Amino acid sequence: MASADPLDRLLRSAAQAKIEAHTVQALSWTAEAKVLGAWRTSRLASATDSWLAFFRTGVAVAGAAALLTVLVTLRNEGNNGSDASFVNDEVAATHAAFNVAVLN
């Protein structure tokens, strides 16, 4: 019942071969903890985390810029207590220009 097929002979000789089991040294507790921690965080992290971090940073910068703008505006309103402050007011200037245009 011997087959002349080279694949059958190769598989038969591989099944009969005595292969030594390679021994692997156990990892230390710290190395095992690091590997398991890295594996768990990689499994939990999604592909969008980098974009979310970028988006959060952008929102934080925009919020800080808005807060700074409000603080500077409030500080300038406190310093300009004179009657000439309406010159720098965009709404008052627009109303004045509109009134001049309507009256002419």
PDB file of N, CA and C in Angstrom:
ATOM      1  N   MET A   1       0.808  -1.179   0.000  1.00  0.00           N
ATOM      2  CA  MET A   1       0.000   0.000   0.000  1.00  0.00           C
ATOM      3  C   MET A   1       0.857   1.251   0.000  1.00  0.00           C
ATOM      4  N   ALA A   2       2.051   1.081  -0.355  1.00  0.00           N
ATOM      5  CA  ALA A   2       2.945   2.227  -0.389  1.00  0.00           C
ATOM      6  C   ALA A   2       2.648   3.050  -1.622  1.00  0.00           C
ATOM      7  N   SER A   3       2.496   4.353  -1.383  1.00  0.00           N
ATOM      8  CA  SER A   3       2.184   5.247  -2.487  1.00  0.00           C
ATOM      9  C   SER A   3       3.469   5.874  -2.994  1.00  0.00           C
ATOM     10  N   ALA A   4       3.505   6.077  -4.293  1.00  0.00           N
ATOM     11  CA  ALA A   4       4.689   6.683  -4.886  1.00  0.00           C
ATOM     12  C   ALA A   4       4.581   8.201  -4.939  1.00  0.00           C
ATOM     13  N   ASP A   5       3.451   8.713  -4.453  1.00  0.00           N
ATOM     14  CA  ASP A   5       3.250  10.168  -4.490  1.00  0.00           C
ATOM     15  C   ASP A   5       4.219  10.841  -3.516  1.00  0.00           C
ATOM     16  N   PRO A   6       4.989  11.815  -3.990  1.00  0.00           N
ATOM     17  CA  PRO A   6       5.962  12.470  -3.101  1.00  0.00           C
ATOM     18  C   PRO A   6       5.298  13.173  -1.911  1.00  0.00           C
ATOM     19  N   LEU A   7       4.107  13.698  -2.104  1.00  0.00           N
ATOM     20  CA  LEU A   7       3.426  14.383  -1.010  1.00  0.00           C
ATOM     21  C   LEU A   7       3.027  13.395   0.083  1.00  0.00           C
ATOM     22  N   ASP A   8       2.544  12.221  -0.309  1.00  0.00           N
ATOM     23  CA  ASP A   8       2.200  11.202   0.684  1.00  0.00           C
ATOM     24  C   ASP A   8       3.438  10.758   1.453  1.00  0.00           C
ATOM     25  N   ARG A   9       4.531  10.536   0.761  1.00  0.00           N
ATOM     26  CA  ARG A   9       5.773  10.133   1.435  1.00  0.00           C
ATOM     27  C   ARG A   9       6.256  11.223   2.391  1.00  0.00           C
ATOM     28  N   LEU A  10       6.121  12.501   1.977  1.00  0.00           N
ATOM     29  CA  LEU A  10       6.563  13.600   2.831  1.00  0.00           C
ATOM     30  C   LEU A  10       5.705  13.684   4.096  1.00  0.00           C
ATOM     31  N   LEU A  11       4.399  13.571   3.933  1.00  0.00           N
ATOM     32  CA  LEU A  11       3.510  13.644   5.084  1.00  0.00           C
ATOM     33  C   LEU A  11       3.703  12.456   6.021  1.00  0.00           C
ATOM     34  N   ARG A  12       3.909  11.267   5.458  1.00  0.00           N
ATOM     35  CA  ARG A  12       4.122  10.068   6.270  1.00  0.00           C
ATOM     36  C   ARG A  12       5.425  10.187   7.058  1.00  0.00           C
ATOM     37  N   SER A  13       6.473  10.660   6.411  1.00  0.00           N
ATOM     38  CA  SER A  13       7.756  10.793   7.123  1.00  0.00           C
ATOM     39  C   SER A  13       7.697  11.913   8.163  1.00  0.00           C
ATOM     40  N   ALA A  14       6.910  12.966   7.894  1.00  0.00           N
ATOM     41  CA  ALA A  14       6.759  14.032   8.892  1.00  0.00           C
ATOM     42  C   ALA A  14       5.981  13.537  10.098  1.00  0.00           C
ATOM     43  N   ALA A  15       4.994  12.678   9.888  1.00  0.00           N
ATOM     44  CA  ALA A  15       4.214  12.135  10.999  1.00  0.00           C
ATOM     45  C   ALA A  15       5.057  11.187  11.839  1.00  0.00           C
ATOM     46  N   GLN A  16       5.993  10.504  11.242  1.00  0.00           N
ATOM     47  CA  GLN A  16       6.813   9.543  11.972  1.00  0.00           C
ATOM     48  C   GLN A  16       8.051  10.176  12.587  1.00  0.00           C
ATOM     49  N   ALA A  17       8.349  11.393  12.212  1.00  0.00           N
ATOM     50  CA  ALA A  17       9.561  12.034  12.716  1.00  0.00           C
ATOM     51  C   ALA A  17       9.408  12.361  14.201  1.00  0.00           C
ATOM     52  N   LYS A  18      10.495  12.270  14.915  1.00  0.00           N
ATOM     53  CA  LYS A  18      10.490  12.610  16.337  1.00  0.00           C
ATOM     54  C   LYS A  18      11.031  14.031  16.466  1.00  0.00           C
ATOM     55  N   ILE A  19      10.141  14.934  16.855  1.00  0.00           N
ATOM     56  CA  ILE A  19      10.507  16.344  16.958  1.00  0.00           C
ATOM     57  C   ILE A  19      10.677  16.690  18.428  1.00  0.00           C
ATOM     58  N   GLU A  20      11.764  17.316  18.726  1.00  0.00           N
ATOM     59  CA  GLU A  20      12.005  17.736  20.103  1.00  0.00           C
ATOM     60  C   GLU A  20      11.172  18.978  20.407  1.00  0.00           C
ATOM     61  N   ALA A  21      10.581  18.968  21.556  1.00  0.00           N
ATOM     62  CA  ALA A  21       9.807  20.136  21.984  1.00  0.00           C
ATOM     63  C   ALA A  21      10.777  21.173  22.540  1.00  0.00           C
ATOM     64  N   HIS A  22      10.698  22.349  21.986  1.00  0.00           N
ATOM     65  CA  HIS A  22      11.570  23.424  22.460  1.00  0.00           C
ATOM     66  C   HIS A  22      11.003  23.970  23.755  1.00  0.00           C
ATOM     67  N   THR A  23      11.853  24.112  24.708  1.00  0.00           N
ATOM     68  CA  THR A  23      11.393  24.651  25.990  1.00  0.00           C
ATOM     69  C   THR A  23      11.513  26.168  25.969  1.00  0.00           C
ATOM     70  N   VAL A  24      10.488  26.803  26.465  1.00  0.00           N
ATOM     71  CA  VAL A  24      10.456  28.262  26.525  1.00  0.00           C
ATOM     72  C   VAL A  24      10.543  28.663  27.984  1.00  0.00           C
ATOM     73  N   GLN A  25      11.453  29.553  28.270  1.00  0.00           N
ATOM     74  CA  GLN A  25      11.602  29.998  29.651  1.00  0.00           C
ATOM     75  C   GLN A  25      10.420  30.877  30.029  1.00  0.00           C
ATOM     76  N   ALA A  26      10.006  30.752  31.237  1.00  0.00           N
ATOM     77  CA  ALA A  26       8.881  31.534  31.733  1.00  0.00           C
ATOM     78  C   ALA A  26       9.303  33.000  31.885  1.00  0.00           C
ATOM     79  N   LEU A  27       8.344  33.883  31.627  1.00  0.00           N
ATOM     80  CA  LEU A  27       8.604  35.305  31.800  1.00  0.00           C
ATOM     81  C   LEU A  27       8.589  35.667  33.271  1.00  0.00           C
ATOM     82  N   SER A  28       9.305  36.716  33.605  1.00  0.00           N
ATOM     83  CA  SER A  28       9.231  37.206  34.978  1.00  0.00           C
ATOM     84  C   SER A  28       7.864  37.861  35.189  1.00  0.00           C
ATOM     85  N   TRP A  29       7.516  38.071  36.438  1.00  0.00           N
ATOM     86  CA  TRP A  29       6.198  38.635  36.748  1.00  0.00           C
ATOM     87  C   TRP A  29       6.040  40.030  36.150  1.00  0.00           C
ATOM     88  N   THR A  30       7.092  40.848  36.211  1.00  0.00           N
ATOM     89  CA  THR A  30       6.988  42.220  35.679  1.00  0.00           C
ATOM     90  C   THR A  30       6.858  42.215  34.169  1.00  0.00           C
ATOM     91  N   ALA A  31       7.628  41.360  33.497  1.00  0.00           N
ATOM     92  CA  ALA A  31       7.539  41.299  32.037  1.00  0.00           C
ATOM     93  C   ALA A  31       6.171  40.786  31.610  1.00  0.00           C
ATOM     94  N   GLU A  32       5.641  39.802  32.325  1.00  0.00           N
ATOM     95  CA  GLU A  32       4.318  39.280  32.006  1.00  0.00           C
ATOM     96  C   GLU A  32       3.245  40.344  32.217  1.00  0.00           C
ATOM     97  N   ALA A  33       3.363  41.117  33.290  1.00  0.00           N
ATOM     98  CA  ALA A  33       2.393  42.182  33.561  1.00  0.00           C
ATOM     99  C   ALA A  33       2.443  43.254  32.479  1.00  0.00           C
ATOM    100  N   LYS A  34       3.642  43.602  32.033  1.00  0.00           N
ATOM    101  CA  LYS A  34       3.782  44.611  30.978  1.00  0.00           C
ATOM    102  C   LYS A  34       3.175  44.125  29.659  1.00  0.00           C
ATOM    103  N   VAL A  35       3.429  42.876  29.318  1.00  0.00           N
ATOM    104  CA  VAL A  35       2.900  42.328  28.072  1.00  0.00           C
ATOM    105  C   VAL A  35       1.380  42.269  28.127  1.00  0.00           C
ATOM    106  N   LEU A  36       0.838  41.783  29.240  1.00  0.00           N
ATOM    107  CA  LEU A  36      -0.615  41.702  29.365  1.00  0.00           C
ATOM    108  C   LEU A  36      -1.253  43.088  29.379  1.00  0.00           C
ATOM    109  N   GLY A  37      -0.604  44.054  30.043  1.00  0.00           N
ATOM    110  CA  GLY A  37      -1.129  45.423  30.055  1.00  0.00           C
ATOM    111  C   GLY A  37      -1.137  46.038  28.666  1.00  0.00           C
ATOM    112  N   ALA A  38      -0.065  45.835  27.926  1.00  0.00           N
ATOM    113  CA  ALA A  38      -0.009  46.365  26.560  1.00  0.00           C
ATOM    114  C   ALA A  38      -1.049  45.690  25.672  1.00  0.00           C
ATOM    115  N   TRP A  39      -1.251  44.405  25.874  1.00  0.00           N
ATOM    116  CA  TRP A  39      -2.247  43.685  25.085  1.00  0.00           C
ATOM    117  C   TRP A  39      -3.649  44.184  25.402  1.00  0.00           C
ATOM    118  N   ARG A  40      -3.942  44.395  26.667  1.00  0.00           N
ATOM    119  CA  ARG A  40      -5.280  44.864  27.048  1.00  0.00           C
ATOM    120  C   ARG A  40      -5.543  46.272  26.543  1.00  0.00           C
ATOM    121  N   THR A  41      -4.576  47.160  26.653  1.00  0.00           N
ATOM    122  CA  THR A  41      -4.805  48.526  26.172  1.00  0.00           C
ATOM    123  C   THR A  41      -4.925  48.568  24.661  1.00  0.00           C
ATOM    124  N   SER A  42      -4.207  47.712  23.962  1.00  0.00           N
ATOM    125  CA  SER A  42      -4.333  47.697  22.506  1.00  0.00           C
ATOM    126  C   SER A  42      -5.684  47.137  22.090  1.00  0.00           C
ATOM    127  N   ARG A  43      -6.237  46.233  22.867  1.00  0.00           N
ATOM    128  CA  ARG A  43      -7.551  45.672  22.546  1.00  0.00           C
ATOM    129  C   ARG A  43      -8.657  46.682  22.830  1.00  0.00           C
ATOM    130  N   LEU A  44      -8.467  47.529  23.844  1.00  0.00           N
ATOM    131  CA  LEU A  44      -9.489  48.499  24.205  1.00  0.00           C
ATOM    132  C   LEU A  44      -9.442  49.744  23.330  1.00  0.00           C
ATOM    133  N   ALA A  45      -8.281  50.089  22.844  1.00  0.00           N
ATOM    134  CA  ALA A  45      -8.119  51.315  22.055  1.00  0.00           C
ATOM    135  C   ALA A  45      -8.689  51.108  20.659  1.00  0.00           C
ATOM    136  N   SER A  46      -9.451  52.073  20.229  1.00  0.00           N
ATOM    137  CA  SER A  46      -9.994  51.992  18.869  1.00  0.00           C
ATOM    138  C   SER A  46      -9.122  52.801  17.918  1.00  0.00           C
ATOM    139  N   ALA A  47      -9.431  52.715  16.656  1.00  0.00           N
ATOM    140  CA  ALA A  47      -8.631  53.406  15.645  1.00  0.00           C
ATOM    141  C   ALA A  47      -8.891  54.901  15.654  1.00  0.00           C
ATOM    142  N   THR A  48      -9.993  55.349  16.265  1.00  0.00           N
ATOM    143  CA  THR A  48     -10.338  56.767  16.239  1.00  0.00           C
ATOM    144  C   THR A  48      -9.796  57.529  17.435  1.00  0.00           C
ATOM    145  N   ASP A  49      -9.063  56.865  18.322  1.00  0.00           N
ATOM    146  CA  ASP A  49      -8.567  57.554  19.513  1.00  0.00           C
ATOM    147  C   ASP A  49      -7.634  58.702  19.172  1.00  0.00           C
ATOM    148  N   SER A  50      -6.804  58.530  18.161  1.00  0.00           N
ATOM    149  CA  SER A  50      -5.883  59.608  17.811  1.00  0.00           C
ATOM    150  C   SER A  50      -6.657  60.824  17.297  1.00  0.00           C
ATOM    151  N   TRP A  51      -7.726  60.596  16.523  1.00  0.00           N
ATOM    152  CA  TRP A  51      -8.530  61.711  16.018  1.00  0.00           C
ATOM    153  C   TRP A  51      -9.315  62.362  17.143  1.00  0.00           C
ATOM    154  N   LEU A  52      -9.789  61.568  18.095  1.00  0.00           N
ATOM    155  CA  LEU A  52     -10.528  62.134  19.217  1.00  0.00           C
ATOM    156  C   LEU A  52      -9.626  63.000  20.085  1.00  0.00           C
ATOM    157  N   ALA A  53      -8.401  62.575  20.280  1.00  0.00           N
ATOM    158  CA  ALA A  53      -7.464  63.374  21.062  1.00  0.00           C
ATOM    159  C   ALA A  53      -7.176  64.694  20.341  1.00  0.00           C
ATOM    160  N   PHE A  54      -7.015  64.630  19.038  1.00  0.00           N
ATOM    161  CA  PHE A  54      -6.791  65.845  18.254  1.00  0.00           C
ATOM    162  C   PHE A  54      -7.998  66.773  18.338  1.00  0.00           C
ATOM    163  N   PHE A  55      -9.209  66.211  18.258  1.00  0.00           N
ATOM    164  CA  PHE A  55     -10.433  66.996  18.348  1.00  0.00           C
ATOM    165  C   PHE A  55     -10.577  67.624  19.734  1.00  0.00           C
ATOM    166  N   ARG A  56     -10.286  66.862  20.780  1.00  0.00           N
ATOM    167  CA  ARG A  56     -10.374  67.399  22.148  1.00  0.00           C
ATOM    168  C   ARG A  56      -9.392  68.543  22.349  1.00  0.00           C
ATOM    169  N   THR A  57      -8.203  68.400  21.805  1.00  0.00           N
ATOM    170  CA  THR A  57      -7.209  69.467  21.925  1.00  0.00           C
ATOM    171  C   THR A  57      -7.695  70.717  21.198  1.00  0.00           C
ATOM    172  N   GLY A  58      -8.267  70.549  20.025  1.00  0.00           N
ATOM    173  CA  GLY A  58      -8.788  71.691  19.273  1.00  0.00           C
ATOM    174  C   GLY A  58      -9.924  72.383  20.003  1.00  0.00           C
ATOM    175  N   VAL A  59     -10.813  71.603  20.612  1.00  0.00           N
ATOM    176  CA  VAL A  59     -11.916  72.201  21.373  1.00  0.00           C
ATOM    177  C   VAL A  59     -11.379  72.954  22.581  1.00  0.00           C
ATOM    178  N   ALA A  60     -10.379  72.406  23.245  1.00  0.00           N
ATOM    179  CA  ALA A  60      -9.793  73.076  24.408  1.00  0.00           C
ATOM    180  C   ALA A  60      -9.121  74.386  24.011  1.00  0.00           C
ATOM    181  N   VAL A  61      -8.406  74.393  22.903  1.00  0.00           N
ATOM    182  CA  VAL A  61      -7.748  75.623  22.440  1.00  0.00           C
ATOM    183  C   VAL A  61      -8.783  76.664  22.030  1.00  0.00           C
ATOM    184  N   ALA A  62      -9.840  76.236  21.347  1.00  0.00           N
ATOM    185  CA  ALA A  62     -10.891  77.168  20.943  1.00  0.00           C
ATOM    186  C   ALA A  62     -11.600  77.752  22.164  1.00  0.00           C
ATOM    187  N   GLY A  63     -11.845  76.937  23.166  1.00  0.00           N
ATOM    188  CA  GLY A  63     -12.465  77.426  24.395  1.00  0.00           C
ATOM    189  C   GLY A  63     -11.581  78.416  25.123  1.00  0.00           C
ATOM    190  N   ALA A  64     -10.282  78.134  25.169  1.00  0.00           N
ATOM    191  CA  ALA A  64      -9.355  79.056  25.818  1.00  0.00           C
ATOM    192  C   ALA A  64      -9.285  80.383  25.058  1.00  0.00           C
ATOM    193  N   ALA A  65      -9.302  80.317  23.736  1.00  0.00           N
ATOM    194  CA  ALA A  65      -9.283  81.548  22.930  1.00  0.00           C
ATOM    195  C   ALA A  65     -10.560  82.349  23.142  1.00  0.00           C
ATOM    196  N   ALA A  66     -11.699  81.686  23.232  1.00  0.00           N
ATOM    197  CA  ALA A  66     -12.967  82.383  23.478  1.00  0.00           C
ATOM    198  C   ALA A  66     -12.975  83.028  24.853  1.00  0.00           C
ATOM    199  N   LEU A  67     -12.488  82.304  25.848  1.00  0.00           N
ATOM    200  CA  LEU A  67     -12.425  82.862  27.206  1.00  0.00           C
ATOM    201  C   LEU A  67     -11.489  84.061  27.258  1.00  0.00           C
ATOM    202  N   LEU A  68     -10.354  83.978  26.601  1.00  0.00           N
ATOM    203  CA  LEU A  68      -9.422  85.097  26.563  1.00  0.00           C
ATOM    204  C   LEU A  68     -10.044  86.306  25.871  1.00  0.00           C
ATOM    205  N   THR A  69     -10.779  86.081  24.799  1.00  0.00           N
ATOM    206  CA  THR A  69     -11.445  87.165  24.088  1.00  0.00           C
ATOM    207  C   THR A  69     -12.472  87.856  24.980  1.00  0.00           C
ATOM    208  N   VAL A  70     -13.246  87.070  25.705  1.00  0.00           N
ATOM    209  CA  VAL A  70     -14.249  87.651  26.609  1.00  0.00           C
ATOM    210  C   VAL A  70     -13.576  88.447  27.711  1.00  0.00           C
ATOM    211  N   LEU A  71     -12.508  87.912  28.274  1.00  0.00           N
ATOM    212  CA  LEU A  71     -11.813  88.628  29.347  1.00  0.00           C
ATOM    213  C   LEU A  71     -11.203  89.938  28.854  1.00  0.00           C
ATOM    214  N   VAL A  72     -10.613  89.937  27.678  1.00  0.00           N
ATOM    215  CA  VAL A  72     -10.033  91.162  27.120  1.00  0.00           C
ATOM    216  C   VAL A  72     -11.126  92.176  26.828  1.00  0.00           C
ATOM    217  N   THR A  73     -12.264  91.719  26.322  1.00  0.00           N
ATOM    218  CA  THR A  73     -13.378  92.621  26.033  1.00  0.00           C
ATOM    219  C   THR A  73     -13.910  93.247  27.314  1.00  0.00           C
ATOM    220  N   LEU A  74     -14.083  92.438  28.344  1.00  0.00           N
ATOM    221  CA  LEU A  74     -14.575  92.975  29.615  1.00  0.00           C
ATOM    222  C   LEU A  74     -13.576  93.944  30.236  1.00  0.00           C
ATOM    223  N   ARG A  75     -12.303  93.672  30.089  1.00  0.00           N
ATOM    224  CA  ARG A  75     -11.270  94.557  30.641  1.00  0.00           C
ATOM    225  C   ARG A  75     -11.286  95.897  29.908  1.00  0.00           C
ATOM    226  N   ASN A  76     -11.470  95.867  28.584  1.00  0.00           N
ATOM    227  CA  ASN A  76     -11.507  97.104  27.814  1.00  0.00           C
ATOM    228  C   ASN A  76     -12.763  97.914  28.101  1.00  0.00           C
ATOM    229  N   GLU A  77     -13.882  97.251  28.358  1.00  0.00           N
ATOM    230  CA  GLU A  77     -15.104  97.979  28.693  1.00  0.00           C
ATOM    231  C   GLU A  77     -14.966  98.675  30.029  1.00  0.00           C
ATOM    232  N   GLY A  78     -14.262  98.060  30.942  1.00  0.00           N
ATOM    233  CA  GLY A  78     -14.046  98.685  32.252  1.00  0.00           C
ATOM    234  C   GLY A  78     -13.148  99.904  32.164  1.00  0.00           C
ATOM    235  N   ASN A  79     -12.197  99.925  31.255  1.00  0.00           N
ATOM    236  CA  ASN A  79     -11.272 101.057  31.123  1.00  0.00           C
ATOM    237  C   ASN A  79     -11.869 102.202  30.327  1.00  0.00           C
ATOM    238  N   ASN A  80     -12.817 101.928  29.455  1.00  0.00           N
ATOM    239  CA  ASN A  80     -13.394 102.969  28.611  1.00  0.00           C
ATOM    240  C   ASN A  80     -14.722 103.432  29.193  1.00  0.00           C
ATOM    241  N   GLY A  81     -14.663 104.138  30.270  1.00  0.00           N
ATOM    242  CA  GLY A  81     -15.879 104.632  30.893  1.00  0.00           C
ATOM    243  C   GLY A  81     -16.306 105.981  30.356  1.00  0.00           C
ATOM    244  N   SER A  82     -15.583 106.538  29.429  1.00  0.00           N
ATOM    245  CA  SER A  82     -15.918 107.866  28.911  1.00  0.00           C
ATOM    246  C   SER A  82     -17.001 107.764  27.845  1.00  0.00           C
ATOM    247  N   ASP A  83     -17.497 108.931  27.380  1.00  0.00           N
ATOM    248  CA  ASP A  83     -18.541 108.959  26.361  1.00  0.00           C
ATOM    249  C   ASP A  83     -18.021 108.607  24.973  1.00  0.00           C
ATOM    250  N   ALA A  84     -16.716 108.572  24.775  1.00  0.00           N
ATOM    251  CA  ALA A  84     -16.140 108.281  23.466  1.00  0.00           C
ATOM    252  C   ALA A  84     -16.093 106.770  23.190  1.00  0.00           C
ATOM    253  N   SER A  85     -16.591 105.962  24.099  1.00  0.00           N
ATOM    254  CA  SER A  85     -16.505 104.510  23.917  1.00  0.00           C
ATOM    255  C   SER A  85     -17.423 104.031  22.792  1.00  0.00           C
ATOM    256  N   PHE A  86     -18.473 104.786  22.458  1.00  0.00           N
ATOM    257  CA  PHE A  86     -19.383 104.346  21.404  1.00  0.00           C
ATOM    258  C   PHE A  86     -18.726 104.370  20.035  1.00  0.00           C
ATOM    259  N   VAL A  87     -17.617 105.064  19.872  1.00  0.00           N
ATOM    260  CA  VAL A  87     -16.927 105.135  18.588  1.00  0.00           C
ATOM    261  C   VAL A  87     -16.378 103.757  18.210  1.00  0.00           C
ATOM    262  N   ASN A  88     -15.933 103.011  19.200  1.00  0.00           N
ATOM    263  CA  ASN A  88     -15.379 101.694  18.936  1.00  0.00           C
ATOM    264  C   ASN A  88     -16.439 100.599  18.951  1.00  0.00           C
ATOM    265  N   ASP A  89     -17.687 100.960  19.208  1.00  0.00           N
ATOM    266  CA  ASP A  89     -18.762  99.975  19.236  1.00  0.00           C
ATOM    267  C   ASP A  89     -19.295  99.784  17.814  1.00  0.00           C
ATOM    268  N   GLU A  90     -19.243  98.560  17.313  1.00  0.00           N
ATOM    269  CA  GLU A  90     -19.640  98.284  15.932  1.00  0.00           C
ATOM    270  C   GLU A  90     -21.131  98.529  15.720  1.00  0.00           C
ATOM    271  N   VAL A  91     -21.943  98.194  16.707  1.00  0.00           N
ATOM    272  CA  VAL A  91     -23.381  98.359  16.565  1.00  0.00           C
ATOM    273  C   VAL A  91     -23.735  99.843  16.528  1.00  0.00           C
ATOM    274  N   ALA A  92     -23.133 100.629  17.414  1.00  0.00           N
ATOM    275  CA  ALA A  92     -23.417 102.065  17.438  1.00  0.00           C
ATOM    276  C   ALA A  92     -22.927 102.730  16.157  1.00  0.00           C
ATOM    277  N   ALA A  93     -21.779 102.325  15.667  1.00  0.00           N
ATOM    278  CA  ALA A  93     -21.260 102.896  14.431  1.00  0.00           C
ATOM    279  C   ALA A  93     -22.161 102.536  13.248  1.00  0.00           C
ATOM    280  N   THR A  94     -22.690 101.336  13.227  1.00  0.00           N
ATOM    281  CA  THR A  94     -23.591 100.916  12.161  1.00  0.00           C
ATOM    282  C   THR A  94     -24.886 101.707  12.215  1.00  0.00           C
ATOM    283  N   HIS A  95     -25.416 101.908  13.423  1.00  0.00           N
ATOM    284  CA  HIS A  95     -26.644 102.683  13.563  1.00  0.00           C
ATOM    285  C   HIS A  95     -26.427 104.135  13.142  1.00  0.00           C
ATOM    286  N   ALA A  96     -25.265 104.678  13.501  1.00  0.00           N
ATOM    287  CA  ALA A  96     -24.971 106.056  13.117  1.00  0.00           C
ATOM    288  C   ALA A  96     -24.862 106.173  11.599  1.00  0.00           C
ATOM    289  N   ALA A  97     -24.171 105.232  10.963  1.00  0.00           N
ATOM    290  CA  ALA A  97     -24.056 105.272   9.503  1.00  0.00           C
ATOM    291  C   ALA A  97     -25.418 105.079   8.843  1.00  0.00           C
ATOM    292  N   PHE A  98     -26.255 104.242   9.389  1.00  0.00           N
ATOM    293  CA  PHE A  98     -27.591 104.033   8.858  1.00  0.00           C
ATOM    294  C   PHE A  98     -28.432 105.284   9.018  1.00  0.00           C
ATOM    295  N   ASN A  99     -28.341 105.924  10.172  1.00  0.00           N
ATOM    296  CA  ASN A  99     -29.100 107.158  10.390  1.00  0.00           C
ATOM    297  C   ASN A  99     -28.677 108.272   9.443  1.00  0.00           C
ATOM    298  N   VAL A 100     -27.382 108.393   9.189  1.00  0.00           N
ATOM    299  CA  VAL A 100     -26.900 109.394   8.260  1.00  0.00           C
ATOM    300  C   VAL A 100     -27.400 109.098   6.850  1.00  0.00           C
ATOM    301  N   ALA A 101     -27.400 107.838   6.463  1.00  0.00           N
ATOM    302  CA  ALA A 101     -27.850 107.452   5.126  1.00  0.00           C
ATOM    303  C   ALA A 101     -29.346 107.692   4.947  1.00  0.00           C
ATOM    304  N   VAL A 102     -30.124 107.459   5.971  1.00  0.00           N
ATOM    305  CA  VAL A 102     -31.567 107.645   5.888  1.00  0.00           C
ATOM    306  C   VAL A 102     -31.905 109.128   5.884  1.00  0.00           C
ATOM    307  N   LEU A 103     -31.205 109.923   6.638  1.00  0.00           N
ATOM    308  CA  LEU A 103     -31.512 111.339   6.739  1.00  0.00           C
ATOM    309  C   LEU A 103     -31.114 112.101   5.475  1.00  0.00           C
ATOM    310  N   ASN A 104     -30.171 111.619   4.721  1.00  0.00           N
ATOM    311  CA  ASN A 104     -29.749 112.316   3.500  1.00  0.00           C
ATOM    312  C   ASN A 104     -30.599 111.974   2.367  1.00  0.00           C
TER     313      ASN A 104
END
